[in-house]
Amino acid sequence: MANPVRPSPLDDPDYAEFAWGRYFRVMRWMALLTLAVMAAAALYLYEAVGLVSIHLYIAAMLGIGFTMMLMAALMGLVFLSSGTGHDEAVDNGLEQHLDEWWK
């Protein structure tokens, strides 16, 4: 017997708006934190190596900024998916094969 498709809580427009609003609010805070870390790193680099090529500072700030924002975006999506119940609504078909795999 096939399992019925369970609707995702994110299918409800009001709940989805709330969940995505929370996600983007977290992303705004992470953007501010990223800017602060980038400024601190730029100051540290200036103190450590002095005034060298501007390309060092550009590359370092882009690397730090991209890495932090990518981490925030991906982890935010994980928490959004898990926290809204979307993960529980996904049917991966694993349950129907468990008995035959463990024989």
N, C-alpha and C. Protein backbone atom coordinates (compact mmCIF):
# COMPACT_ATOMS: atom_id res chain seq x y z
N MET A 1 0.84 -1.18 0.00
CA MET A 1 0.00 0.00 0.00
C MET A 1 0.88 1.24 0.00
N ALA A 2 0.65 2.10 -0.92
CA ALA A 2 1.45 3.31 -1.05
C ALA A 2 1.05 4.32 0.03
N ASN A 3 2.05 5.00 0.52
CA ASN A 3 1.79 6.05 1.51
C ASN A 3 1.19 7.26 0.81
N PRO A 4 0.18 7.87 1.43
CA PRO A 4 -0.36 9.08 0.82
C PRO A 4 0.66 10.21 0.91
N VAL A 5 0.62 11.09 -0.05
CA VAL A 5 1.54 12.22 -0.06
C VAL A 5 1.13 13.19 1.04
N ARG A 6 2.08 13.46 1.90
CA ARG A 6 1.81 14.40 2.99
C ARG A 6 2.14 15.82 2.53
N PRO A 7 1.25 16.75 2.76
CA PRO A 7 1.55 18.13 2.33
C PRO A 7 2.62 18.75 3.23
N SER A 8 3.44 19.56 2.64
CA SER A 8 4.45 20.29 3.40
C SER A 8 3.80 21.48 4.09
N PRO A 9 4.21 21.78 5.31
CA PRO A 9 3.68 23.00 5.95
C PRO A 9 4.01 24.26 5.16
N LEU A 10 5.06 24.19 4.33
CA LEU A 10 5.42 25.36 3.54
C LEU A 10 4.46 25.58 2.37
N ASP A 11 3.52 24.65 2.15
CA ASP A 11 2.50 24.85 1.13
C ASP A 11 1.46 25.89 1.56
N ASP A 12 1.35 26.11 2.86
CA ASP A 12 0.44 27.14 3.38
C ASP A 12 1.10 28.51 3.18
N PRO A 13 0.51 29.40 2.40
CA PRO A 13 1.16 30.69 2.10
C PRO A 13 1.47 31.54 3.33
N ASP A 14 0.59 31.54 4.31
CA ASP A 14 0.84 32.34 5.51
C ASP A 14 2.03 31.80 6.30
N TYR A 15 2.06 30.48 6.46
CA TYR A 15 3.17 29.87 7.20
C TYR A 15 4.48 30.01 6.42
N ALA A 16 4.41 29.86 5.11
CA ALA A 16 5.61 30.02 4.28
C ALA A 16 6.15 31.44 4.38
N GLU A 17 5.24 32.41 4.37
CA GLU A 17 5.67 33.81 4.50
C GLU A 17 6.37 34.04 5.84
N PHE A 18 5.81 33.47 6.91
CA PHE A 18 6.43 33.58 8.22
C PHE A 18 7.81 32.92 8.24
N ALA A 19 7.90 31.70 7.70
CA ALA A 19 9.16 30.95 7.73
C ALA A 19 10.23 31.63 6.89
N TRP A 20 9.87 32.08 5.68
CA TRP A 20 10.85 32.75 4.84
C TRP A 20 11.23 34.11 5.42
N GLY A 21 10.30 34.78 6.07
CA GLY A 21 10.62 36.04 6.73
C GLY A 21 11.65 35.84 7.83
N ARG A 22 11.48 34.77 8.59
CA ARG A 22 12.46 34.45 9.64
C ARG A 22 13.82 34.13 9.03
N TYR A 23 13.82 33.40 7.92
CA TYR A 23 15.06 33.05 7.24
C TYR A 23 15.80 34.31 6.79
N PHE A 24 15.08 35.22 6.14
CA PHE A 24 15.73 36.43 5.64
C PHE A 24 16.14 37.37 6.77
N ARG A 25 15.42 37.33 7.88
CA ARG A 25 15.83 38.12 9.04
C ARG A 25 17.17 37.60 9.58
N VAL A 26 17.31 36.28 9.66
CA VAL A 26 18.58 35.69 10.08
C VAL A 26 19.69 36.04 9.09
N MET A 27 19.37 36.03 7.82
CA MET A 27 20.38 36.36 6.81
C MET A 27 20.82 37.83 6.93
N ARG A 28 19.92 38.72 7.26
CA ARG A 28 20.32 40.11 7.45
C ARG A 28 21.27 40.24 8.64
N TRP A 29 20.98 39.54 9.74
CA TRP A 29 21.87 39.58 10.89
C TRP A 29 23.23 38.97 10.55
N MET A 30 23.22 37.91 9.77
CA MET A 30 24.48 37.30 9.37
C MET A 30 25.27 38.22 8.43
N ALA A 31 24.59 38.98 7.60
CA ALA A 31 25.27 39.94 6.73
C ALA A 31 25.97 41.01 7.58
N LEU A 32 25.30 41.48 8.62
CA LEU A 32 25.93 42.46 9.51
C LEU A 32 27.12 41.86 10.25
N LEU A 33 26.97 40.64 10.73
CA LEU A 33 28.10 39.97 11.39
C LEU A 33 29.24 39.75 10.41
N THR A 34 28.92 39.40 9.19
CA THR A 34 29.96 39.19 8.17
C THR A 34 30.71 40.48 7.90
N LEU A 35 30.00 41.59 7.80
CA LEU A 35 30.67 42.88 7.59
C LEU A 35 31.60 43.21 8.76
N ALA A 36 31.15 42.93 9.97
CA ALA A 36 31.99 43.19 11.15
C ALA A 36 33.24 42.31 11.13
N VAL A 37 33.09 41.04 10.79
CA VAL A 37 34.24 40.13 10.72
C VAL A 37 35.19 40.57 9.61
N MET A 38 34.63 40.99 8.49
CA MET A 38 35.48 41.46 7.39
C MET A 38 36.28 42.70 7.80
N ALA A 39 35.65 43.61 8.51
CA ALA A 39 36.36 44.81 8.97
C ALA A 39 37.46 44.44 9.96
N ALA A 40 37.15 43.53 10.88
CA ALA A 40 38.16 43.09 11.84
C ALA A 40 39.31 42.39 11.14
N ALA A 41 39.01 41.57 10.16
CA ALA A 41 40.06 40.87 9.42
C ALA A 41 40.92 41.85 8.62
N ALA A 42 40.29 42.87 8.05
CA ALA A 42 41.06 43.87 7.30
C ALA A 42 42.01 44.62 8.23
N LEU A 43 41.52 44.97 9.40
CA LEU A 43 42.39 45.64 10.38
C LEU A 43 43.53 44.73 10.82
N TYR A 44 43.21 43.47 11.06
CA TYR A 44 44.25 42.51 11.45
C TYR A 44 45.29 42.36 10.34
N LEU A 45 44.84 42.24 9.11
CA LEU A 45 45.79 42.11 7.99
C LEU A 45 46.66 43.35 7.88
N TYR A 46 46.07 44.51 8.04
CA TYR A 46 46.85 45.74 7.96
C TYR A 46 47.91 45.80 9.07
N GLU A 47 47.53 45.38 10.27
CA GLU A 47 48.48 45.36 11.38
C GLU A 47 49.56 44.30 11.17
N ALA A 48 49.20 43.18 10.58
CA ALA A 48 50.14 42.06 10.43
C ALA A 48 51.11 42.26 9.27
N VAL A 49 50.62 42.74 8.12
CA VAL A 49 51.49 42.81 6.94
C VAL A 49 51.68 44.23 6.43
N GLY A 50 50.97 45.17 6.97
CA GLY A 50 51.12 46.55 6.53
C GLY A 50 50.39 46.81 5.22
N LEU A 51 50.79 47.88 4.58
CA LEU A 51 50.13 48.29 3.34
C LEU A 51 50.81 47.59 2.16
N VAL A 52 50.18 46.52 1.70
CA VAL A 52 50.68 45.80 0.53
C VAL A 52 49.68 45.99 -0.59
N SER A 53 49.71 45.14 -1.56
CA SER A 53 48.81 45.26 -2.70
C SER A 53 47.35 45.24 -2.24
N ILE A 54 46.55 46.09 -2.85
CA ILE A 54 45.13 46.15 -2.53
C ILE A 54 44.45 44.83 -2.87
N HIS A 55 45.05 44.08 -3.78
CA HIS A 55 44.46 42.80 -4.19
C HIS A 55 44.43 41.79 -3.05
N LEU A 56 45.39 41.87 -2.14
CA LEU A 56 45.38 41.00 -0.96
C LEU A 56 44.14 41.26 -0.12
N TYR A 57 43.85 42.52 0.10
CA TYR A 57 42.70 42.89 0.92
C TYR A 57 41.38 42.54 0.23
N ILE A 58 41.32 42.79 -1.07
CA ILE A 58 40.09 42.47 -1.82
C ILE A 58 39.84 40.96 -1.80
N ALA A 59 40.88 40.18 -2.08
CA ALA A 59 40.72 38.72 -2.11
C ALA A 59 40.35 38.18 -0.74
N ALA A 60 40.98 38.69 0.31
CA ALA A 60 40.68 38.22 1.66
C ALA A 60 39.25 38.56 2.05
N MET A 61 38.81 39.79 1.75
CA MET A 61 37.46 40.19 2.14
C MET A 61 36.41 39.44 1.32
N LEU A 62 36.66 39.24 0.04
CA LEU A 62 35.72 38.46 -0.77
C LEU A 62 35.66 37.00 -0.28
N GLY A 63 36.80 36.44 0.04
CA GLY A 63 36.82 35.06 0.54
C GLY A 63 36.08 34.91 1.86
N ILE A 64 36.34 35.82 2.78
CA ILE A 64 35.66 35.77 4.08
C ILE A 64 34.17 36.01 3.90
N GLY A 65 33.81 37.02 3.13
CA GLY A 65 32.40 37.36 2.94
C GLY A 65 31.63 36.24 2.25
N PHE A 66 32.19 35.71 1.16
CA PHE A 66 31.51 34.65 0.43
C PHE A 66 31.36 33.40 1.29
N THR A 67 32.42 33.03 2.01
CA THR A 67 32.37 31.83 2.84
C THR A 67 31.34 31.96 3.96
N MET A 68 31.35 33.09 4.64
CA MET A 68 30.41 33.26 5.75
C MET A 68 28.96 33.32 5.27
N MET A 69 28.71 34.01 4.17
CA MET A 69 27.33 34.12 3.68
C MET A 69 26.84 32.81 3.08
N LEU A 70 27.72 32.06 2.43
CA LEU A 70 27.33 30.75 1.91
C LEU A 70 27.00 29.80 3.06
N MET A 71 27.82 29.81 4.10
CA MET A 71 27.56 28.99 5.28
C MET A 71 26.24 29.38 5.93
N ALA A 72 25.99 30.67 6.05
CA ALA A 72 24.75 31.14 6.66
C ALA A 72 23.53 30.75 5.82
N ALA A 73 23.65 30.89 4.51
CA ALA A 73 22.52 30.55 3.63
C ALA A 73 22.20 29.06 3.69
N LEU A 74 23.22 28.23 3.60
CA LEU A 74 22.98 26.78 3.59
C LEU A 74 22.48 26.28 4.94
N MET A 75 23.07 26.75 6.02
CA MET A 75 22.61 26.32 7.34
C MET A 75 21.22 26.88 7.61
N GLY A 76 20.95 28.09 7.14
CA GLY A 76 19.61 28.65 7.30
C GLY A 76 18.56 27.82 6.57
N LEU A 77 18.90 27.33 5.38
CA LEU A 77 17.97 26.47 4.65
C LEU A 77 17.75 25.14 5.35
N VAL A 78 18.82 24.60 5.95
CA VAL A 78 18.67 23.36 6.72
C VAL A 78 17.72 23.59 7.89
N PHE A 79 17.91 24.68 8.61
CA PHE A 79 17.05 24.96 9.75
C PHE A 79 15.62 25.28 9.31
N LEU A 80 15.46 25.96 8.17
CA LEU A 80 14.14 26.25 7.64
C LEU A 80 13.41 24.96 7.31
N SER A 81 14.09 24.06 6.62
CA SER A 81 13.47 22.81 6.21
C SER A 81 13.11 21.95 7.41
N SER A 82 14.01 21.86 8.36
CA SER A 82 13.77 21.03 9.54
C SER A 82 12.76 21.68 10.49
N GLY A 83 12.89 22.98 10.70
CA GLY A 83 12.05 23.67 11.68
C GLY A 83 10.61 23.84 11.26
N THR A 84 10.34 23.79 9.96
CA THR A 84 8.97 23.98 9.49
C THR A 84 8.22 22.67 9.34
N GLY A 85 8.91 21.54 9.46
CA GLY A 85 8.25 20.26 9.26
C GLY A 85 8.29 19.79 7.82
N HIS A 86 8.99 20.52 6.97
CA HIS A 86 9.08 20.15 5.56
C HIS A 86 9.80 18.80 5.40
N ASP A 87 10.80 18.53 6.23
CA ASP A 87 11.54 17.27 6.13
C ASP A 87 10.64 16.07 6.39
N GLU A 88 9.73 16.20 7.35
CA GLU A 88 8.84 15.09 7.67
C GLU A 88 7.83 14.83 6.56
N ALA A 89 7.55 15.83 5.73
CA ALA A 89 6.57 15.67 4.67
C ALA A 89 7.14 14.97 3.44
N VAL A 90 8.46 14.84 3.38
CA VAL A 90 9.10 14.22 2.22
C VAL A 90 9.04 12.70 2.38
N ASP A 91 8.59 12.02 1.33
CA ASP A 91 8.54 10.56 1.33
C ASP A 91 9.66 10.06 0.44
N ASN A 92 10.69 9.48 1.06
CA ASN A 92 11.80 8.99 0.26
C ASN A 92 11.66 7.52 -0.10
N GLY A 93 10.60 6.85 0.31
CA GLY A 93 10.37 5.46 -0.05
C GLY A 93 11.25 4.47 0.69
N LEU A 94 11.98 4.92 1.68
CA LEU A 94 12.89 4.04 2.39
C LEU A 94 12.16 2.99 3.23
N GLU A 95 11.04 3.37 3.81
CA GLU A 95 10.34 2.46 4.72
C GLU A 95 9.93 1.16 4.04
N GLN A 96 9.59 1.21 2.77
CA GLN A 96 9.11 0.02 2.08
C GLN A 96 10.24 -0.97 1.79
N HIS A 97 11.49 -0.53 1.87
CA HIS A 97 12.61 -1.41 1.56
C HIS A 97 13.39 -1.86 2.80
N LEU A 98 13.05 -1.36 3.96
CA LEU A 98 13.83 -1.68 5.17
C LEU A 98 13.82 -3.19 5.48
N ASP A 99 12.67 -3.83 5.39
CA ASP A 99 12.60 -5.25 5.73
C ASP A 99 13.46 -6.11 4.81
N GLU A 100 13.42 -5.84 3.52
CA GLU A 100 14.19 -6.66 2.61
C GLU A 100 15.68 -6.39 2.71
N TRP A 101 16.07 -5.19 3.10
CA TRP A 101 17.50 -4.87 3.24
C TRP A 101 18.11 -5.55 4.47
N TRP A 102 17.34 -5.74 5.52
CA TRP A 102 17.89 -6.27 6.76
C TRP A 102 17.71 -7.78 6.88
N LYS A 103 17.32 -8.46 5.83
CA LYS A 103 17.19 -9.92 5.86
C LYS A 103 18.51 -10.57 5.58
